[in-house]
C-alpha atoms as a PDB file:
ATOM      1  CA  MET A   1     105.227   2.922  -8.947  1.00  0.00           C
ATOM      2  CA  ARG A   2     105.244   3.244  -5.032  1.00  0.00           C
ATOM      3  CA  ASN A   3     104.734  -0.425  -4.290  1.00  0.00           C
ATOM      4  CA  LYS A   4     108.026  -0.600  -6.163  1.00  0.00           C
ATOM      5  CA  VAL A   5     109.638   2.063  -3.885  1.00  0.00           C
ATOM      6  CA  ARG A   6     108.297   0.066  -0.657  1.00  0.00           C
ATOM      7  CA  ILE A   7     109.306  -3.717  -1.645  1.00  0.00           C
ATOM      8  CA  LEU A   8     113.019  -1.965  -2.364  1.00  0.00           C
ATOM      9  CA  CYS A   9     113.013  -0.427   1.214  1.00  0.00           C
ATOM     10  CA  ALA A  10     111.792  -3.608   2.607  1.00  0.00           C
ATOM     11  CA  VAL A  11     114.708  -5.665   1.034  1.00  0.00           C
ATOM     12  CA  MET A  12     117.393  -3.289   1.692  1.00  0.00           C
ATOM     13  CA  VAL A  13     115.984  -2.823   5.685  1.00  0.00           C
ATOM     14  CA  GLY A  14     116.001  -6.771   5.494  1.00  0.00           C
ATOM     15  CA  VAL A  15     119.628  -7.349   3.914  1.00  0.00           C
ATOM     16  CA  MET A  16     121.078  -4.628   6.402  1.00  0.00           C
ATOM     17  CA  LEU A  17     119.400  -6.714   9.150  1.00  0.00           C
ATOM     18  CA  LEU A  18     121.108  -9.659   7.645  1.00  0.00           C
ATOM     19  CA  LEU A  19     124.320  -8.401   7.869  1.00  0.00           C
ATOM     20  CA  LEU A  20     123.846  -6.889  11.319  1.00  0.00           C
ATOM     21  CA  ILE A  21     123.192 -10.115  13.033  1.00  0.00           C
ATOM     22  CA  GLY A  22     126.005 -11.882  10.878  1.00  0.00           C
ATOM     23  CA  GLY A  23     128.355  -9.393  12.207  1.00  0.00           C
ATOM     24  CA  CYS A  24     127.446  -9.860  15.932  1.00  0.00           C
ATOM     25  CA  ASN A  25     127.323 -13.372  15.323  1.00  0.00           C
ATOM     26  CA  ARG A  26     130.963 -13.461  13.739  1.00  0.00           C
ATOM     27  CA  ALA A  27     131.532 -11.111  17.084  1.00  0.00           C
ATOM     28  CA  ASP A  28     130.674 -13.222  19.463  1.00  0.00           C
ATOM     29  CA  ALA A  29     132.125 -16.059  17.925  1.00  0.00           C
ATOM     30  CA  THR A  30     135.461 -14.242  17.931  1.00  0.00           C
ATOM     31  CA  ARG A  31     135.516 -12.913  21.793  1.00  0.00           C
ATOM     32  CA  LYS A  32     137.366 -14.229  23.997  1.00  0.00           C
ATOM     33  CA  ARG A  33     136.548 -15.680  26.757  1.00  0.00           C
ATOM     34  CA  ARG A  34     138.203 -14.102  30.281  1.00  0.00           C
ATOM     35  CA  ILE A  35     139.664 -16.871  32.749  1.00  0.00           C
ATOM     36  CA  VAL A  36     141.065 -14.952  36.037  1.00  0.00           C
ATOM     37  CA  ILE A  37     143.205 -16.923  38.298  1.00  0.00           C
ATOM     38  CA  VAL A  38     143.769 -15.295  41.684  1.00  0.00           C
ATOM     39  CA  THR A  39     146.327 -16.946  43.862  1.00  0.00           C
ATOM     40  CA  LYS A  40     147.692 -16.240  47.656  1.00  0.00           C
ATOM     41  CA  ALA A  41     151.048 -14.781  45.875  1.00  0.00           C
ATOM     42  CA  LEU A  42     152.981 -14.625  43.175  1.00  0.00           C
ATOM     43  CA  ASP A  43     156.753 -14.887  44.855  1.00  0.00           C
ATOM     44  CA  SER A  44     157.603 -18.083  45.226  1.00  0.00           C
ATOM     45  CA  GLU A  45     158.598 -20.851  42.981  1.00  0.00           C
ATOM     46  CA  PHE A  46     155.203 -22.862  44.003  1.00  0.00           C
ATOM     47  CA  TRP A  47     153.059 -19.839  42.422  1.00  0.00           C
ATOM     48  CA  GLN A  48     155.625 -18.754  39.387  1.00  0.00           C
ATOM     49  CA  THR A  49     154.671 -22.933  38.698  1.00  0.00           C
ATOM     50  CA  LEU A  50     151.318 -22.652  39.067  1.00  0.00           C
ATOM     51  CA  LYS A  51     150.881 -19.837  36.725  1.00  0.00           C
ATOM     52  CA  SER A  52     153.143 -21.340  34.019  1.00  0.00           C
ATOM     53  CA  GLY A  53     151.207 -24.583  34.158  1.00  0.00           C
ATOM     54  CA  ALA A  54     147.856 -22.344  33.745  1.00  0.00           C
ATOM     55  CA  GLU A  55     149.418 -20.387  30.758  1.00  0.00           C
ATOM     56  CA  GLU A  56     150.462 -23.172  28.991  1.00  0.00           C
ATOM     57  CA  ALA A  57     146.873 -24.814  28.973  1.00  0.00           C
ATOM     58  CA  ALA A  58     145.862 -22.155  28.023  1.00  0.00           C
ATOM     59  CA  ARG A  59     147.547 -21.421  24.843  1.00  0.00           C
ATOM     60  CA  GLN A  60     146.205 -24.702  23.933  1.00  0.00           C
ATOM     61  CA  HIS A  61     143.186 -22.720  23.131  1.00  0.00           C
ATOM     62  CA  PRO A  62     143.325 -19.320  21.297  1.00  0.00           C
ATOM     63  CA  ASP A  63     139.192 -18.163  22.508  1.00  0.00           C
ATOM     64  CA  ILE A  64     140.847 -18.382  25.558  1.00  0.00           C
ATOM     65  CA  GLU A  65     142.215 -15.195  27.199  1.00  0.00           C
ATOM     66  CA  LEU A  66     144.439 -15.863  30.808  1.00  0.00           C
ATOM     67  CA  SER A  67     145.629 -13.746  33.606  1.00  0.00           C
ATOM     68  CA  VAL A  68     146.639 -14.727  37.021  1.00  0.00           C
ATOM     69  CA  LEU A  69     147.089 -12.344  39.749  1.00  0.00           C
ATOM     70  CA  ALA A  70     147.653 -12.053  43.398  1.00  0.00           C
ATOM     71  CA  PRO A  71     148.730  -9.548  45.907  1.00  0.00           C
ATOM     72  CA  GLU A  72     151.951  -9.004  47.012  1.00  0.00           C
ATOM     73  CA  ARG A  73     152.413 -11.119  49.960  1.00  0.00           C
ATOM     74  CA  GLU A  74     149.832 -13.965  51.046  1.00  0.00           C
ATOM     75  CA  ILE A  75     149.170 -12.031  54.037  1.00  0.00           C
ATOM     76  CA  ASN A  76     147.503  -9.217  52.399  1.00  0.00           C
ATOM     77  CA  ILE A  77     144.272 -10.903  52.326  1.00  0.00           C
ATOM     78  CA  ASP A  78     142.303  -7.060  51.699  1.00  0.00           C
ATOM     79  CA  GLN A  79     144.785  -6.619  48.766  1.00  0.00           C
ATOM     80  CA  GLN A  80     143.273  -9.861  47.353  1.00  0.00           C
ATOM     81  CA  VAL A  81     139.336  -9.085  47.781  1.00  0.00           C
ATOM     82  CA  SER A  82     140.131  -6.014  46.157  1.00  0.00           C
ATOM     83  CA  ILE A  83     141.550  -7.974  43.237  1.00  0.00           C
ATOM     84  CA  LEU A  84     138.252 -10.545  43.163  1.00  0.00           C
ATOM     85  CA  GLU A  85     136.123  -7.012  43.579  1.00  0.00           C
ATOM     86  CA  ASP A  86     137.183  -5.747  40.265  1.00  0.00           C
ATOM     87  CA  GLN A  87     137.606  -9.031  38.219  1.00  0.00           C
ATOM     88  CA  ILE A  88     133.641  -9.431  39.146  1.00  0.00           C
ATOM     89  CA  LEU A  89     133.324  -5.738  37.919  1.00  0.00           C
ATOM     90  CA  LYS A  90     135.072  -6.633  34.896  1.00  0.00           C
ATOM     91  CA  LYS A  91     132.401  -9.025  34.610  1.00  0.00           C
ATOM     92  CA  VAL A  92     134.940 -12.111  33.458  1.00  0.00           C
ATOM     93  CA  SER A  93     134.164 -15.729  32.138  1.00  0.00           C
ATOM     94  CA  ALA A  94     135.263 -17.474  34.952  1.00  0.00           C
ATOM     95  CA  LEU A  95     137.378 -17.121  38.379  1.00  0.00           C
ATOM     96  CA  ALA A  96     139.666 -19.950  39.629  1.00  0.00           C
ATOM     97  CA  VAL A  97     140.898 -18.601  43.199  1.00  0.00           C
ATOM     98  CA  VAL A  98     143.509 -20.098  45.832  1.00  0.00           C
ATOM     99  CA  PRO A  99     141.273 -18.202  48.814  1.00  0.00           C
ATOM    100  CA  GLY A 100     143.591 -16.158  51.198  1.00  0.00           C
ATOM    101  CA  GLY A 101     141.378 -16.186  53.842  1.00  0.00           C
ATOM    102  CA  VAL A 102     138.400 -17.748  54.345  1.00  0.00           C
ATOM    103  CA  ALA A 103     136.270 -16.091  55.631  1.00  0.00           C
ATOM    104  CA  GLU A 104     137.052 -12.772  54.659  1.00  0.00           C
ATOM    105  CA  VAL A 105     136.986 -14.372  50.647  1.00  0.00           C
ATOM    106  CA  THR A 106     133.641 -16.123  50.953  1.00  0.00           C
ATOM    107  CA  PRO A 107     131.741 -13.082  51.022  1.00  0.00           C
ATOM    108  CA  VAL A 108     133.294 -11.588  47.309  1.00  0.00           C
ATOM    109  CA  LEU A 109     133.057 -15.250  46.214  1.00  0.00           C
ATOM    110  CA  ASP A 110     129.010 -15.145  46.915  1.00  0.00           C
ATOM    111  CA  LYS A 111     129.209 -11.444  45.187  1.00  0.00           C
ATOM    112  CA  ALA A 112     130.747 -13.504  42.097  1.00  0.00           C
ATOM    113  CA  ARG A 113     128.417 -16.585  41.808  1.00  0.00           C
ATOM    114  CA  ALA A 114     125.582 -13.886  42.281  1.00  0.00           C
ATOM    115  CA  ALA A 115     127.259 -11.991  39.309  1.00  0.00           C
ATOM    116  CA  GLY A 116     127.130 -15.663  37.348  1.00  0.00           C
ATOM    117  CA  ILE A 117     130.606 -16.115  36.980  1.00  0.00           C
ATOM    118  CA  PRO A 118     131.783 -19.627  37.760  1.00  0.00           C
ATOM    119  CA  VAL A 119     133.895 -20.015  40.712  1.00  0.00           C
ATOM    120  CA  LEU A 120     136.791 -23.067  41.029  1.00  0.00           C
ATOM    121  CA  ILE A 121     139.012 -23.205  44.062  1.00  0.00           C
ATOM    122  CA  VAL A 122     142.315 -24.249  44.138  1.00  0.00           C
ATOM    123  CA  ASP A 123     145.375 -25.111  45.816  1.00  0.00           C
ATOM    124  CA  ASN A 124     143.145 -24.447  49.595  1.00  0.00           C
ATOM    125  CA  ASP A 125     140.030 -25.467  49.326  1.00  0.00           C
ATOM    126  CA  THR A 126     136.772 -24.000  51.109  1.00  0.00           C
ATOM    127  CA  PRO A 127     133.480 -24.902  52.366  1.00  0.00           C
ATOM    128  CA  TRP A 128     131.815 -22.470  50.593  1.00  0.00           C
ATOM    129  CA  PRO A 129     128.991 -24.409  48.715  1.00  0.00           C
ATOM    130  CA  GLY A 130     129.084 -22.341  45.458  1.00  0.00           C
ATOM    131  CA  LYS A 131     132.433 -23.778  44.337  1.00  0.00           C
ATOM    132  CA  LEU A 132     132.249 -25.544  41.558  1.00  0.00           C
ATOM    133  CA  SER A 133     135.050 -28.005  42.210  1.00  0.00           C
ATOM    134  CA  TYR A 134     138.097 -28.010  44.295  1.00  0.00           C
ATOM    135  CA  ILE A 135     141.343 -28.796  42.249  1.00  0.00           C
ATOM    136  CA  GLY A 136     144.285 -29.163  44.300  1.00  0.00           C
ATOM    137  CA  THR A 137     146.594 -31.392  46.972  1.00  0.00           C
ATOM    138  CA  ASP A 138     144.720 -34.099  49.582  1.00  0.00           C
ATOM    139  CA  ASN A 139     146.369 -31.932  52.236  1.00  0.00           C
ATOM    140  CA  ARG A 140     145.413 -33.959  55.000  1.00  0.00           C
ATOM    141  CA  GLU A 141     147.356 -37.073  53.009  1.00  0.00           C
ATOM    142  CA  GLY A 142     150.119 -34.754  52.990  1.00  0.00           C
ATOM    143  CA  GLY A 143     150.528 -34.246  56.414  1.00  0.00           C
ATOM    144  CA  ARG A 144     150.257 -37.736  57.307  1.00  0.00           C
ATOM    145  CA  LEU A 145     152.817 -38.339  54.788  1.00  0.00           C
ATOM    146  CA  ALA A 146     154.873 -36.276  56.480  1.00  0.00           C
ATOM    147  CA  GLY A 147     154.406 -37.581  59.595  1.00  0.00           C
ATOM    148  CA  ASP A 148     154.725 -41.326  59.106  1.00  0.00           C
ATOM    149  CA  TYR A 149     158.008 -40.421  57.505  1.00  0.00           C
ATOM    150  CA  ILE A 150     159.079 -39.186  60.448  1.00  0.00           C
ATOM    151  CA  VAL A 151     157.758 -41.689  63.181  1.00  0.00           C
ATOM    152  CA  LYS A 152     159.747 -43.850  60.684  1.00  0.00           C
ATOM    153  CA  VAL A 153     163.219 -42.169  60.864  1.00  0.00           C
ATOM    154  CA  LEU A 154     162.874 -41.210  64.445  1.00  0.00           C
ATOM    155  CA  GLY A 155     161.924 -44.958  65.768  1.00  0.00           C
ATOM    156  CA  GLY A 156     158.584 -43.772  67.249  1.00  0.00           C
ATOM    157  CA  ARG A 157     160.607 -41.862  69.687  1.00  0.00           C
ATOM    158  CA  GLY A 158     161.773 -37.908  70.266  1.00  0.00           C
ATOM    159  CA  LYS A 159     160.677 -34.248  70.078  1.00  0.00           C
ATOM    160  CA  VAL A 160     159.013 -32.475  67.047  1.00  0.00           C
ATOM    161  CA  ALA A 161     157.895 -29.263  66.316  1.00  0.00           C
ATOM    162  CA  ILE A 162     155.745 -27.842  63.479  1.00  0.00           C
ATOM    163  CA  VAL A 163     156.517 -24.363  61.764  1.00  0.00           C
ATOM    164  CA  ARG A 164     152.886 -23.835  59.606  1.00  0.00           C
ATOM    165  CA  GLY A 165     151.573 -21.128  57.688  1.00  0.00           C
ATOM    166  CA  ILE A 166     148.523 -18.506  58.200  1.00  0.00           C
ATOM    167  CA  LEU A 167     146.242 -19.738  61.054  1.00  0.00           C
ATOM    168  CA  GLY A 168     142.949 -20.291  59.399  1.00  0.00           C
ATOM    169  CA  VAL A 169     144.353 -21.376  55.972  1.00  0.00           C
ATOM    170  CA  THR A 170     142.455 -24.750  54.867  1.00  0.00           C
ATOM    171  CA  SER A 171     145.718 -26.045  53.378  1.00  0.00           C
ATOM    172  CA  HIS A 172     147.895 -25.598  56.359  1.00  0.00           C
ATOM    173  CA  GLU A 173     145.061 -26.565  58.720  1.00  0.00           C
ATOM    174  CA  ASP A 174     144.488 -29.715  56.712  1.00  0.00           C
ATOM    175  CA  ARG A 175     148.415 -30.669  56.485  1.00  0.00           C
ATOM    176  CA  VAL A 176     148.597 -29.984  59.873  1.00  0.00           C
ATOM    177  CA  ALA A 177     145.994 -32.320  60.975  1.00  0.00           C
ATOM    178  CA  GLY A 178     146.947 -34.798  58.840  1.00  0.00           C
ATOM    179  CA  PHE A 179     150.597 -34.840  60.651  1.00  0.00           C
ATOM    180  CA  GLN A 180     149.019 -34.787  64.253  1.00  0.00           C
ATOM    181  CA  GLN A 181     147.018 -38.022  62.733  1.00  0.00           C
ATOM    182  CA  ALA A 182     149.921 -40.034  62.294  1.00  0.00           C
ATOM    183  CA  ILE A 183     152.207 -38.959  65.126  1.00  0.00           C
ATOM    184  CA  ALA A 184     149.693 -39.973  67.463  1.00  0.00           C
ATOM    185  CA  GLN A 185     150.190 -42.998  66.402  1.00  0.00           C
ATOM    186  CA  ALA A 186     153.805 -43.018  68.543  1.00  0.00           C
ATOM    187  CA  PRO A 187     153.372 -41.931  71.752  1.00  0.00           C
ATOM    188  CA  GLY A 188     156.917 -42.018  72.390  1.00  0.00           C
ATOM    189  CA  ILE A 189     156.999 -38.864  70.221  1.00  0.00           C
ATOM    190  CA  GLN A 190     155.779 -35.337  71.322  1.00  0.00           C
ATOM    191  CA  ILE A 191     154.714 -32.293  69.674  1.00  0.00           C
ATOM    192  CA  VAL A 192     156.590 -29.399  71.759  1.00  0.00           C
ATOM    193  CA  THR A 193     155.290 -26.418  69.669  1.00  0.00           C
ATOM    194  CA  ILE A 194     153.334 -25.193  66.643  1.00  0.00           C
ATOM    195  CA  GLN A 195     154.241 -21.704  65.726  1.00  0.00           C
ATOM    196  CA  PRO A 196     153.179 -19.938  62.436  1.00  0.00           C
ATOM    197  CA  ALA A 197     155.498 -18.406  59.969  1.00  0.00           C
ATOM    198  CA  ASN A 198     153.010 -17.287  57.169  1.00  0.00           C
ATOM    199  CA  SER A 199     154.805 -19.224  54.274  1.00  0.00           C
ATOM    200  CA  GLU A 200     157.796 -16.958  54.936  1.00  0.00           C
ATOM    201  CA  ARG A 201     161.452 -17.873  54.429  1.00  0.00           C
ATOM    202  CA  ALA A 202     162.738 -15.530  56.905  1.00  0.00           C
ATOM    203  CA  SER A 203     159.726 -15.478  59.209  1.00  0.00           C
ATOM    204  CA  ALA A 204     160.863 -19.321  59.238  1.00  0.00           C
ATOM    205  CA  LEU A 205     164.239 -18.916  59.747  1.00  0.00           C
ATOM    206  CA  THR A 206     163.495 -16.459  63.205  1.00  0.00           C
ATOM    207  CA  VAL A 207     160.878 -18.873  64.566  1.00  0.00           C
ATOM    208  CA  MET A 208     163.231 -21.684  63.825  1.00  0.00           C
ATOM    209  CA  GLU A 209     165.883 -19.928  66.003  1.00  0.00           C
ATOM    210  CA  ASN A 210     163.859 -19.224  68.740  1.00  0.00           C
ATOM    211  CA  ILE A 211     162.050 -22.752  68.914  1.00  0.00           C
ATOM    212  CA  LEU A 212     165.534 -23.994  69.066  1.00  0.00           C
ATOM    213  CA  THR A 213     166.773 -21.933  71.331  1.00  0.00           C
ATOM    214  CA  SER A 214     163.726 -23.446  73.858  1.00  0.00           C
ATOM    215  CA  ASN A 215     163.986 -26.652  72.731  1.00  0.00           C
ATOM    216  CA  PRO A 216     167.841 -27.686  71.848  1.00  0.00           C
ATOM    217  CA  ASP A 217     167.385 -31.416  72.434  1.00  0.00           C
ATOM    218  CA  LEU A 218     164.568 -31.184  69.310  1.00  0.00           C
ATOM    219  CA  ASN A 219     164.974 -33.809  66.716  1.00  0.00           C
ATOM    220  CA  ALA A 220     162.934 -33.040  64.161  1.00  0.00           C
ATOM    221  CA  LEU A 221     160.202 -30.107  62.401  1.00  0.00           C
ATOM    222  CA  PHE A 222     157.878 -30.189  60.053  1.00  0.00           C
ATOM    223  CA  ALA A 223     157.082 -27.275  57.810  1.00  0.00           C
ATOM    224  CA  THR A 224     153.845 -26.838  55.902  1.00  0.00           C
ATOM    225  CA  SER A 225     155.611 -25.117  52.945  1.00  0.00           C
ATOM    226  CA  ASP A 226     158.880 -25.424  51.047  1.00  0.00           C
ATOM    227  CA  GLN A 227     160.001 -21.503  52.091  1.00  0.00           C
ATOM    228  CA  MET A 228     159.340 -22.457  55.869  1.00  0.00           C
ATOM    229  CA  ALA A 229     161.864 -25.459  55.412  1.00  0.00           C
ATOM    230  CA  LEU A 230     164.322 -24.018  54.006  1.00  0.00           C
ATOM    231  CA  GLY A 231     164.004 -21.198  56.554  1.00  0.00           C
ATOM    232  CA  ALA A 232     163.860 -23.948  58.987  1.00  0.00           C
ATOM    233  CA  MET A 233     167.070 -25.494  57.653  1.00  0.00           C
ATOM    234  CA  GLU A 234     169.193 -22.271  57.766  1.00  0.00           C
ATOM    235  CA  GLY A 235     167.548 -21.992  61.190  1.00  0.00           C
ATOM    236  CA  VAL A 236     169.453 -25.228  62.169  1.00  0.00           C
ATOM    237  CA  ALA A 237     172.619 -24.359  60.404  1.00  0.00           C
ATOM    238  CA  ALA A 238     172.985 -21.034  62.559  1.00  0.00           C
ATOM    239  CA  HIS A 239     172.515 -23.671  65.579  1.00  0.00           C
ATOM    240  CA  HIS A 240     175.196 -25.994  64.298  1.00  0.00           C
ATOM    241  CA  LEU A 241     172.501 -28.866  64.218  1.00  0.00           C
ATOM    242  CA  SER A 242     172.942 -29.514  60.240  1.00  0.00           C
ATOM    243  CA  GLY A 243     171.913 -32.907  59.891  1.00  0.00           C
ATOM    244  CA  LYS A 244     171.000 -33.440  63.672  1.00  0.00           C
ATOM    245  CA  VAL A 245     167.555 -31.687  63.084  1.00  0.00           C
ATOM    246  CA  LEU A 246     165.018 -33.876  60.365  1.00  0.00           C
ATOM    247  CA  ILE A 247     163.573 -31.443  58.577  1.00  0.00           C
ATOM    248  CA  VAL A 248     160.229 -32.135  56.097  1.00  0.00           C
ATOM    249  CA  GLY A 249     159.134 -29.599  54.058  1.00  0.00           C
ATOM    250  CA  PHE A 250     155.828 -29.377  51.597  1.00  0.00           C
ATOM    251  CA  ASP A 251     155.609 -28.339  48.508  1.00  0.00           C
ATOM    252  CA  ALA A 252     158.933 -30.185  46.584  1.00  0.00           C
ATOM    253  CA  GLY A 253     160.201 -27.022  44.166  1.00  0.00           C
ATOM    254  CA  LYS A 254     163.299 -27.546  43.024  1.00  0.00           C
ATOM    255  CA  GLU A 255     165.467 -25.606  45.308  1.00  0.00           C
ATOM    256  CA  ALA A 256     164.047 -27.546  48.216  1.00  0.00           C
ATOM    257  CA  ALA A 257     164.967 -30.515  45.974  1.00  0.00           C
ATOM    258  CA  ARG A 258     168.384 -29.942  45.673  1.00  0.00           C
ATOM    259  CA  ALA A 259     168.456 -29.174  49.482  1.00  0.00           C
ATOM    260  CA  VAL A 260     166.724 -33.338  49.802  1.00  0.00           C
ATOM    261  CA  LYS A 261     169.610 -34.344  47.696  1.00  0.00           C
ATOM    262  CA  SER A 262     172.158 -32.750  49.516  1.00  0.00           C
ATOM    263  CA  GLY A 263     170.729 -33.303  52.779  1.00  0.00           C
ATOM    264  CA  ALA A 264     170.456 -30.056  54.414  1.00  0.00           C
ATOM    265  CA  ILE A 265     166.462 -31.172  54.548  1.00  0.00           C
ATOM    266  CA  SER A 266     165.597 -34.794  55.281  1.00  0.00           C
ATOM    267  CA  ALA A 267     161.990 -34.848  53.008  1.00  0.00           C
ATOM    268  CA  VAL A 268     159.387 -32.608  51.280  1.00  0.00           C
ATOM    269  CA  ILE A 269     155.702 -34.111  50.372  1.00  0.00           C
ATOM    270  CA  ALA A 270     155.441 -32.784  46.826  1.00  0.00           C
ATOM    271  CA  GLN A 271     152.485 -30.983  45.076  1.00  0.00           C
ATOM    272  CA  TYR A 272     151.932 -30.572  41.648  1.00  0.00           C
ATOM    273  CA  PRO A 273     151.747 -26.634  41.004  1.00  0.00           C
ATOM    274  CA  ALA A 274     151.992 -27.306  37.083  1.00  0.00           C
ATOM    275  CA  ASN A 275     148.931 -29.652  37.066  1.00  0.00           C
ATOM    276  CA  MET A 276     146.947 -27.291  39.089  1.00  0.00           C
ATOM    277  CA  GLY A 277     147.373 -24.348  36.787  1.00  0.00           C
ATOM    278  CA  ARG A 278     146.743 -26.710  33.851  1.00  0.00           C
ATOM    279  CA  GLN A 279     143.157 -28.109  35.757  1.00  0.00           C
ATOM    280  CA  ALA A 280     141.985 -25.186  36.872  1.00  0.00           C
ATOM    281  CA  VAL A 281     142.208 -23.419  33.082  1.00  0.00           C
ATOM    282  CA  GLU A 282     141.074 -27.134  31.819  1.00  0.00           C
ATOM    283  CA  ALA A 283     138.011 -26.958  34.156  1.00  0.00           C
ATOM    284  CA  ALA A 284     137.053 -23.333  34.200  1.00  0.00           C
ATOM    285  CA  ILE A 285     136.642 -23.669  29.992  1.00  0.00           C
ATOM    286  CA  LYS A 286     134.111 -26.646  30.866  1.00  0.00           C
ATOM    287  CA  ALA A 287     132.324 -24.427  33.257  1.00  0.00           C
ATOM    288  CA  ILE A 288     132.000 -21.655  30.388  1.00  0.00           C
ATOM    289  CA  GLN A 289     130.582 -23.901  28.259  1.00  0.00           C
ATOM    290  CA  GLY A 290     128.380 -25.398  30.274  1.00  0.00           C
ATOM    291  CA  GLU A 291     129.825 -28.868  30.271  1.00  0.00           C
ATOM    292  CA  PRO A 292     130.143 -31.079  33.880  1.00  0.00           C
ATOM    293  CA  VAL A 293     133.087 -30.493  36.269  1.00  0.00           C
ATOM    294  CA  ALA A 294     134.171 -33.140  38.459  1.00  0.00           C
ATOM    295  CA  ARG A 295     133.369 -31.860  42.043  1.00  0.00           C
ATOM    296  CA  VAL A 296     137.014 -32.823  43.202  1.00  0.00           C
ATOM    297  CA  ILE A 297     139.979 -32.948  40.869  1.00  0.00           C
ATOM    298  CA  ASP A 298     142.943 -33.989  43.002  1.00  0.00           C
ATOM    299  CA  THR A 299     146.399 -33.162  41.687  1.00  0.00           C
ATOM    300  CA  GLY A 300     148.445 -35.762  43.605  1.00  0.00           C
ATOM    301  CA  THR A 301     151.125 -35.427  46.377  1.00  0.00           C
ATOM    302  CA  ALA A 302     154.159 -38.135  47.122  1.00  0.00           C
ATOM    303  CA  LEU A 303     156.946 -37.941  49.759  1.00  0.00           C
ATOM    304  CA  VAL A 304     159.861 -37.113  48.153  1.00  0.00           C
ATOM    305  CA  THR A 305     163.529 -38.014  49.621  1.00  0.00           C
ATOM    306  CA  LYS A 306     166.996 -38.439  48.347  1.00  0.00           C
ATOM    307  CA  GLU A 307     166.402 -41.332  46.807  1.00  0.00           C
ATOM    308  CA  ASN A 308     163.632 -39.683  44.300  1.00  0.00           C
ATOM    309  CA  ALA A 309     164.570 -36.122  44.440  1.00  0.00           C
ATOM    310  CA  ASP A 310     165.923 -36.151  40.924  1.00  0.00           C
ATOM    311  CA  GLU A 311     162.580 -36.675  39.659  1.00  0.00           C
ATOM    312  CA  PHE A 312     161.718 -32.933  40.583  1.00  0.00           C
ATOM    313  CA  LEU A 313     164.805 -31.400  39.357  1.00  0.00           C
ATOM    314  CA  LYS A 314     163.667 -32.176  35.905  1.00  0.00           C
END
């Protein structure tokens, strides 16, 4: 009798263990993987388009939960660091980061790596060795396209200014470097000043007005983002110089493309933020699953002029 009781107890314990293991396996199978994209801001068409592209990709994967987070302004790098630290504590499955400042963000990226969280860099590349991949534009090539265009339109002669994003941000550094490389091929063109406007429209308006006051004979301007190009456009209009100062921007959002079509802005260098967002999610999923991820994923760039502006208004 005692043996039968022991056998019955053993069977019951075994069944309970099997049910427990099965329940755990089902929980693991249904548990969503959380991907977090942390950008520099969400206050412009560019960032909203990147967010939309990421959300579109995530909808194709029911087992993925996506969050897109950002500080209030691009210059709020400390806030971006705090967001990243919070996500590391929450043990997210993967991070895709647009670093606001390499020096400030790198230590927290090291923390993510130490916690076993795969990290992808989006839009603004960094030399940080722990990244799985850089997903974004070849910004140096984009800057070169802008410079080549200005050299061609000015006939190799004239005065040019640059209004750029936050100092030290790699994407803007690369755009400026590519632009300078192209301009260097035309000895008759002089870069009279390089001024930061922190990728903010209002700041670019003020900076542009100051540049025109100091350089009333300015022929062209390169702005390293759409928002700054649009602000510069307003500054040029305030000085009654619309159509007389060539403006080239960078991003090719719809508002900038409309300005190109109208002639208020001469050209913009296109990025494809929706593609960045999609590729970031797809690469993060591969990383979570232990699959290889390409070291560099080039999301494309192009020169947008009045002739092809309609393609970027669809």
